[in-house]
């Protein structure tokens, strides 16, 4: 489940990066996905809440 979400997030991020038309847009995508409250950061925080058996190896 979480791995599926991470794969979808990766695809969305790559699509956004490909569509960036200038440096400020690219920087905004970096913040949106990798920033302190970014999409990837939020997903990684969720990993710590998963039972050990469900965590990706």
PDB file of N, CA and C in Angstrom:
ATOM      1  N   UNK A   1       0.820  -1.185   0.000  1.00  0.00           N
ATOM      2  CA  UNK A   1       0.000   0.000   0.000  1.00  0.00           C
ATOM      3  C   UNK A   1       0.872   1.259   0.000  1.00  0.00           C
ATOM      4  N   UNK A   2       1.761   1.393   0.961  1.00  0.00           N
ATOM      5  CA  UNK A   2       2.612   2.584   1.017  1.00  0.00           C
ATOM      6  C   UNK A   2       3.565   2.617  -0.181  1.00  0.00           C
ATOM      7  N   UNK A   3       4.032   1.453  -0.598  1.00  0.00           N
ATOM      8  CA  UNK A   3       4.931   1.413  -1.755  1.00  0.00           C
ATOM      9  C   UNK A   3       4.202   1.875  -3.009  1.00  0.00           C
ATOM     10  N   UNK A   4       2.937   1.524  -3.120  1.00  0.00           N
ATOM     11  CA  UNK A   4       2.131   1.956  -4.256  1.00  0.00           C
ATOM     12  C   UNK A   4       1.989   3.481  -4.242  1.00  0.00           C
ATOM     13  N   UNK A   5       1.750   4.042  -3.066  1.00  0.00           N
ATOM     14  CA  UNK A   5       1.642   5.495  -2.935  1.00  0.00           C
ATOM     15  C   UNK A   5       2.953   6.172  -3.309  1.00  0.00           C
ATOM     16  N   UNK A   6       4.064   5.589  -2.879  1.00  0.00           N
ATOM     17  CA  UNK A   6       5.368   6.165  -3.203  1.00  0.00           C
ATOM     18  C   UNK A   6       5.641   6.103  -4.699  1.00  0.00           C
ATOM     19  N   UNK A   7       5.256   5.016  -5.344  1.00  0.00           N
ATOM     20  CA  UNK A   7       5.421   4.902  -6.792  1.00  0.00           C
ATOM     21  C   UNK A   7       4.584   5.953  -7.516  1.00  0.00           C
ATOM     22  N   UNK A   8       3.352   6.153  -7.063  1.00  0.00           N
ATOM     23  CA  UNK A   8       2.482   7.162  -7.670  1.00  0.00           C
ATOM     24  C   UNK A   8       3.050   8.561  -7.457  1.00  0.00           C
ATOM     25  N   UNK A   9       3.571   8.801  -6.275  1.00  0.00           N
ATOM     26  CA  UNK A   9       4.172  10.095  -5.969  1.00  0.00           C
ATOM     27  C   UNK A   9       5.387  10.343  -6.858  1.00  0.00           C
ATOM     28  N   UNK A  10       6.181   9.312  -7.065  1.00  0.00           N
ATOM     29  CA  UNK A  10       7.352   9.438  -7.929  1.00  0.00           C
ATOM     30  C   UNK A  10       6.933   9.792  -9.352  1.00  0.00           C
ATOM     31  N   UNK A  11       5.936   9.112  -9.862  1.00  0.00           N
ATOM     32  CA  UNK A  11       5.467   9.391 -11.220  1.00  0.00           C
ATOM     33  C   UNK A  11       4.941  10.819 -11.341  1.00  0.00           C
ATOM     34  N   UNK A  12       4.184  11.266 -10.338  1.00  0.00           N
ATOM     35  CA  UNK A  12       3.656  12.630 -10.354  1.00  0.00           C
ATOM     36  C   UNK A  12       4.790  13.656 -10.303  1.00  0.00           C
ATOM     37  N   UNK A  13       5.794  13.393  -9.482  1.00  0.00           N
ATOM     38  CA  UNK A  13       6.923  14.316  -9.359  1.00  0.00           C
ATOM     39  C   UNK A  13       7.704  14.389 -10.667  1.00  0.00           C
ATOM     40  N   UNK A  14       7.944  13.254 -11.279  1.00  0.00           N
ATOM     41  CA  UNK A  14       8.673  13.247 -12.550  1.00  0.00           C
ATOM     42  C   UNK A  14       7.901  13.985 -13.634  1.00  0.00           C
ATOM     43  N   UNK A  15       6.601  13.809 -13.654  1.00  0.00           N
ATOM     44  CA  UNK A  15       5.760  14.503 -14.631  1.00  0.00           C
ATOM     45  C   UNK A  15       5.811  16.009 -14.388  1.00  0.00           C
ATOM     46  N   UNK A  16       5.757  16.413 -13.126  1.00  0.00           N
ATOM     47  CA  UNK A  16       5.825  17.835 -12.786  1.00  0.00           C
ATOM     48  C   UNK A  16       7.172  18.426 -13.200  1.00  0.00           C
ATOM     49  N   UNK A  17       8.244  17.695 -12.937  1.00  0.00           N
ATOM     50  CA  UNK A  17       9.582  18.173 -13.296  1.00  0.00           C
ATOM     51  C   UNK A  17       9.707  18.325 -14.806  1.00  0.00           C
ATOM     52  N   UNK A  18       9.192  17.352 -15.542  1.00  0.00           N
ATOM     53  CA  UNK A  18       9.244  17.431 -17.005  1.00  0.00           C
ATOM     54  C   UNK A  18       8.473  18.637 -17.529  1.00  0.00           C
ATOM     55  N   UNK A  19       7.427  19.039 -16.802  1.00  0.00           N
ATOM     56  CA  UNK A  19       6.606  20.160 -17.240  1.00  0.00           C
ATOM     57  C   UNK A  19       7.086  21.516 -16.749  1.00  0.00           C
ATOM     58  N   UNK A  20       8.144  21.536 -15.961  1.00  0.00           N
ATOM     59  CA  UNK A  20       8.654  22.810 -15.432  1.00  0.00           C
ATOM     60  C   UNK A  20       9.166  23.669 -16.583  1.00  0.00           C
ATOM     61  N   UNK A  21       8.697  24.908 -16.612  1.00  0.00           N
ATOM     62  CA  UNK A  21       9.074  25.778 -17.724  1.00  0.00           C
ATOM     63  C   UNK A  21      10.217  26.734 -17.382  1.00  0.00           C
ATOM     64  N   UNK A  22      10.509  26.871 -16.084  1.00  0.00           N
ATOM     65  CA  UNK A  22      11.605  27.746 -15.686  1.00  0.00           C
ATOM     66  C   UNK A  22      12.134  27.321 -14.313  1.00  0.00           C
ATOM     67  N   UNK A  23      13.201  27.950 -13.894  1.00  0.00           N
ATOM     68  CA  UNK A  23      13.845  27.600 -12.625  1.00  0.00           C
ATOM     69  C   UNK A  23      12.924  27.836 -11.420  1.00  0.00           C
ATOM     70  N   UNK A  24      12.200  28.949 -11.358  1.00  0.00           N
ATOM     71  CA  UNK A  24      11.295  29.125 -10.209  1.00  0.00           C
ATOM     72  C   UNK A  24      10.222  28.031 -10.115  1.00  0.00           C
ATOM     73  N   UNK A  25       9.717  27.579 -11.240  1.00  0.00           N
ATOM     74  CA  UNK A  25       8.729  26.495 -11.231  1.00  0.00           C
ATOM     75  C   UNK A  25       9.370  25.211 -10.729  1.00  0.00           C
ATOM     76  N   UNK A  26      10.569  24.936 -11.167  1.00  0.00           N
ATOM     77  CA  UNK A  26      11.290  23.746 -10.718  1.00  0.00           C
ATOM     78  C   UNK A  26      11.556  23.812  -9.214  1.00  0.00           C
ATOM     79  N   UNK A  27      11.921  24.971  -8.720  1.00  0.00           N
ATOM     80  CA  UNK A  27      12.149  25.152  -7.286  1.00  0.00           C
ATOM     81  C   UNK A  27      10.859  24.921  -6.500  1.00  0.00           C
ATOM     82  N   UNK A  28       9.739  25.385  -7.032  1.00  0.00           N
ATOM     83  CA  UNK A  28       8.462  25.179  -6.353  1.00  0.00           C
ATOM     84  C   UNK A  28       8.130  23.690  -6.280  1.00  0.00           C
ATOM     85  N   UNK A  29       8.400  22.944  -7.337  1.00  0.00           N
ATOM     86  CA  UNK A  29       8.165  21.497  -7.312  1.00  0.00           C
ATOM     87  C   UNK A  29       9.072  20.823  -6.286  1.00  0.00           C
ATOM     88  N   UNK A  30      10.306  21.297  -6.183  1.00  0.00           N
ATOM     89  CA  UNK A  30      11.220  20.742  -5.182  1.00  0.00           C
ATOM     90  C   UNK A  30      10.642  20.931  -3.785  1.00  0.00           C
ATOM     91  N   UNK A  31      10.157  22.115  -3.510  1.00  0.00           N
ATOM     92  CA  UNK A  31       9.565  22.400  -2.202  1.00  0.00           C
ATOM     93  C   UNK A  31       8.307  21.560  -1.997  1.00  0.00           C
ATOM     94  N   UNK A  32       7.467  21.475  -3.028  1.00  0.00           N
ATOM     95  CA  UNK A  32       6.206  20.731  -2.922  1.00  0.00           C
ATOM     96  C   UNK A  32       6.429  19.258  -2.619  1.00  0.00           C
ATOM     97  N   UNK A  33       7.463  18.683  -3.189  1.00  0.00           N
ATOM     98  CA  UNK A  33       7.691  17.250  -3.024  1.00  0.00           C
ATOM     99  C   UNK A  33       8.720  16.915  -1.947  1.00  0.00           C
ATOM    100  N   UNK A  34       9.754  17.739  -1.801  1.00  0.00           N
ATOM    101  CA  UNK A  34      10.866  17.391  -0.912  1.00  0.00           C
ATOM    102  C   UNK A  34      11.011  18.304   0.297  1.00  0.00           C
ATOM    103  N   UNK A  35      10.238  19.355   0.355  1.00  0.00           N
ATOM    104  CA  UNK A  35      10.344  20.318   1.445  1.00  0.00           C
ATOM    105  C   UNK A  35       9.904  19.750   2.788  1.00  0.00           C
ATOM    106  N   UNK A  36      10.023  20.575   3.821  1.00  0.00           N
ATOM    107  CA  UNK A  36       9.715  20.156   5.190  1.00  0.00           C
ATOM    108  C   UNK A  36       8.309  19.578   5.312  1.00  0.00           C
ATOM    109  N   UNK A  37       7.358  20.158   4.624  1.00  0.00           N
ATOM    110  CA  UNK A  37       5.984  19.661   4.634  1.00  0.00           C
ATOM    111  C   UNK A  37       5.594  19.105   3.266  1.00  0.00           C
ATOM    112  N   UNK A  38       6.585  18.685   2.497  1.00  0.00           N
ATOM    113  CA  UNK A  38       6.343  18.182   1.159  1.00  0.00           C
ATOM    114  C   UNK A  38       5.685  16.819   1.146  1.00  0.00           C
ATOM    115  N   UNK A  39       5.221  16.447  -0.026  1.00  0.00           N
ATOM    116  CA  UNK A  39       4.494  15.187  -0.194  1.00  0.00           C
ATOM    117  C   UNK A  39       5.350  13.978   0.190  1.00  0.00           C
ATOM    118  N   UNK A  40       6.587  13.929  -0.256  1.00  0.00           N
ATOM    119  CA  UNK A  40       7.449  12.790   0.080  1.00  0.00           C
ATOM    120  C   UNK A  40       7.758  12.762   1.572  1.00  0.00           C
ATOM    121  N   UNK A  41       8.036  13.906   2.142  1.00  0.00           N
ATOM    122  CA  UNK A  41       8.343  13.985   3.570  1.00  0.00           C
ATOM    123  C   UNK A  41       7.181  13.455   4.400  1.00  0.00           C
ATOM    124  N   UNK A  42       5.967  13.829   4.031  1.00  0.00           N
ATOM    125  CA  UNK A  42       4.784  13.362   4.759  1.00  0.00           C
ATOM    126  C   UNK A  42       4.635  11.846   4.649  1.00  0.00           C
ATOM    127  N   UNK A  43       4.905  11.293   3.467  1.00  0.00           N
ATOM    128  CA  UNK A  43       4.795   9.832   3.286  1.00  0.00           C
ATOM    129  C   UNK A  43       5.855   9.106   4.107  1.00  0.00           C
ATOM    130  N   UNK A  44       7.058   9.659   4.146  1.00  0.00           N
ATOM    131  CA  UNK A  44       8.128   9.018   4.905  1.00  0.00           C
ATOM    132  C   UNK A  44       7.844   9.048   6.403  1.00  0.00           C
ATOM    133  N   UNK A  45       7.194  10.095   6.873  1.00  0.00           N
ATOM    134  CA  UNK A  45       6.800  10.150   8.280  1.00  0.00           C
ATOM    135  C   UNK A  45       5.818   9.024   8.601  1.00  0.00           C
ATOM    136  N   UNK A  46       4.982   8.672   7.645  1.00  0.00           N
ATOM    137  CA  UNK A  46       3.999   7.609   7.842  1.00  0.00           C
ATOM    138  C   UNK A  46       4.673   6.249   7.997  1.00  0.00           C
ATOM    139  N   UNK A  47       5.844   6.066   7.414  1.00  0.00           N
ATOM    140  CA  UNK A  47       6.535   4.783   7.502  1.00  0.00           C
ATOM    141  C   UNK A  47       6.824   4.403   8.948  1.00  0.00           C
ATOM    142  N   UNK A  48       7.146   5.357   9.769  1.00  0.00           N
ATOM    143  CA  UNK A  48       7.440   5.086  11.168  1.00  0.00           C
ATOM    144  C   UNK A  48       6.235   4.607  11.953  1.00  0.00           C
ATOM    145  N   UNK A  49       5.048   4.853  11.445  1.00  0.00           N
ATOM    146  CA  UNK A  49       3.827   4.447  12.125  1.00  0.00           C
ATOM    147  C   UNK A  49       3.357   3.057  11.712  1.00  0.00           C
ATOM    148  N   UNK A  50       3.964   2.515  10.671  1.00  0.00           N
ATOM    149  CA  UNK A  50       3.567   1.189  10.200  1.00  0.00           C
ATOM    150  C   UNK A  50       4.108   0.104  11.124  1.00  0.00           C
ATOM    151  N   UNK A  51       3.376  -0.995  11.246  1.00  0.00           N
ATOM    152  CA  UNK A  51       3.925  -2.137  11.980  1.00  0.00           C
ATOM    153  C   UNK A  51       5.189  -2.635  11.269  1.00  0.00           C
ATOM    154  N   UNK A  52       6.113  -3.185  12.008  1.00  0.00           N
ATOM    155  CA  UNK A  52       7.393  -3.630  11.444  1.00  0.00           C
ATOM    156  C   UNK A  52       7.178  -4.587  10.277  1.00  0.00           C
ATOM    157  N   UNK A  53       6.211  -5.469  10.385  1.00  0.00           N
ATOM    158  CA  UNK A  53       5.964  -6.457   9.334  1.00  0.00           C
ATOM    159  C   UNK A  53       5.519  -5.811   8.025  1.00  0.00           C
ATOM    160  N   UNK A  54       4.917  -4.626   8.089  1.00  0.00           N
ATOM    161  CA  UNK A  54       4.410  -3.960   6.895  1.00  0.00           C
ATOM    162  C   UNK A  54       5.395  -2.982   6.281  1.00  0.00           C
ATOM    163  N   UNK A  55       6.499  -2.724   6.961  1.00  0.00           N
ATOM    164  CA  UNK A  55       7.475  -1.768   6.450  1.00  0.00           C
ATOM    165  C   UNK A  55       8.230  -2.369   5.275  1.00  0.00           C
ATOM    166  N   UNK A  56       8.523  -1.530   4.262  1.00  0.00           N
ATOM    167  CA  UNK A  56       9.314  -2.041   3.142  1.00  0.00           C
ATOM    168  C   UNK A  56      10.724  -2.408   3.600  1.00  0.00           C
ATOM    169  N   UNK A  57      11.269  -3.432   2.997  1.00  0.00           N
ATOM    170  CA  UNK A  57      12.610  -3.895   3.380  1.00  0.00           C
ATOM    171  C   UNK A  57      13.670  -3.010   2.787  1.00  0.00           C
TER     172      UNK A  57
END
